[in-house]
Structure formats: structure tokens, C-alpha cells
């Protein structure tokens, strides 16, 4: 059985993990430079973590439009 190729790099996963940790503590903020409001959902926290990983050039699939 062939092994599937990873879609996300392990370091991208750690970015999402740290963003989820911030969300659970209630310190995650949205918007550029964290100037927006408080992150209110898990999905939003995951999206922010993936966005940060993309900006750093980590292996993350393109955003679905």
C-alpha cells in the first residue's frame, strides 16, 4: 500500500497548535497585527494559524476560494 504525501508540514501544524492554545486562553486576536476583535471560533483560530504558516513559506495548500 502506497503512503500518502503530507499536505501540511509538521511546522505548519505547530503554528496551528500554538494559535489554538492562544484561542483557548482567550488571548487570540484577529486582523492585521492583532488589532481586530477577539477570536470567537475554533475555525477562525485554525485559519489564522494556517495563514501565519503561509506567510512564513511553510508547506500549506492554497486557500480554497
Protein backbone atom coordinates (compact mmCIF):
# COMPACT_ATOMS: atom_id res chain seq x y z
CA UNK A 1 0.00 0.00 0.00
CA UNK A 2 1.40 3.37 -1.05
CA UNK A 3 1.99 6.04 1.57
CA UNK A 4 0.13 9.34 1.13
CA UNK A 5 2.14 12.50 0.80
CA UNK A 6 1.76 15.04 3.62
CA UNK A 7 -0.34 18.05 2.68
CA UNK A 8 0.80 20.15 5.63
CA UNK A 9 4.32 20.41 7.01
CA UNK A 10 4.82 19.48 10.68
CA UNK A 11 5.89 23.07 11.40
CA UNK A 12 2.60 24.37 9.92
CA UNK A 13 0.78 22.05 12.32
CA UNK A 14 2.69 23.52 15.23
CA UNK A 15 1.66 27.04 14.13
CA UNK A 16 -1.99 25.98 14.22
CA UNK A 17 -1.43 24.29 17.59
CA UNK A 18 0.02 27.45 19.13
CA UNK A 19 -2.82 29.57 17.71
CA UNK A 20 -5.37 27.14 19.19
CA UNK A 21 -3.59 27.44 22.54
CA UNK A 22 -3.93 31.24 22.36
CA UNK A 23 -7.60 30.85 21.43
CA UNK A 24 -8.29 28.58 24.41
CA UNK A 25 -6.58 31.03 26.79
CA UNK A 26 -8.63 33.87 25.27
CA UNK A 27 -5.64 35.89 24.05
CA UNK A 28 -6.02 35.23 20.29
CA UNK A 29 -6.83 38.36 18.29
CA UNK A 30 -7.81 38.68 14.62
CA UNK A 31 -6.86 41.23 12.00
CA UNK A 32 -3.51 42.68 10.93
CA UNK A 33 -1.23 43.00 13.92
CA UNK A 34 -3.94 41.62 16.21
CA UNK A 35 -5.84 44.93 16.06
CA UNK A 36 -9.19 43.28 15.38
CA UNK A 37 -11.53 41.69 17.87
CA UNK A 38 -11.21 38.53 19.90
CA UNK A 39 -11.18 35.22 18.02
CA UNK A 40 -14.53 33.60 18.72
CA UNK A 41 -14.41 30.22 16.98
CA UNK A 42 -12.11 27.23 16.52
CA UNK A 43 -12.35 27.53 12.74
CA UNK A 44 -11.21 31.14 12.88
CA UNK A 45 -8.24 30.21 15.10
CA UNK A 46 -7.21 27.41 12.71
CA UNK A 47 -7.48 29.77 9.71
CA UNK A 48 -5.24 32.33 11.45
CA UNK A 49 -2.65 29.64 12.24
CA UNK A 50 -2.60 28.43 8.62
CA UNK A 51 -2.38 31.99 7.35
CA UNK A 52 0.67 32.65 9.56
CA UNK A 53 2.27 29.43 8.26
CA UNK A 54 1.67 30.50 4.64
CA UNK A 55 3.28 33.89 5.28
CA UNK A 56 6.37 32.14 6.66
CA UNK A 57 6.55 29.99 3.49
CA UNK A 58 5.72 26.67 5.13
CA UNK A 59 4.11 23.83 3.19
CA UNK A 60 0.37 24.54 3.30
CA UNK A 61 -2.16 24.08 0.45
CA UNK A 62 -3.58 27.18 -1.21
CA UNK A 63 -6.72 28.72 0.24
CA UNK A 64 -9.95 27.29 -1.22
CA UNK A 65 -11.87 30.09 -2.88
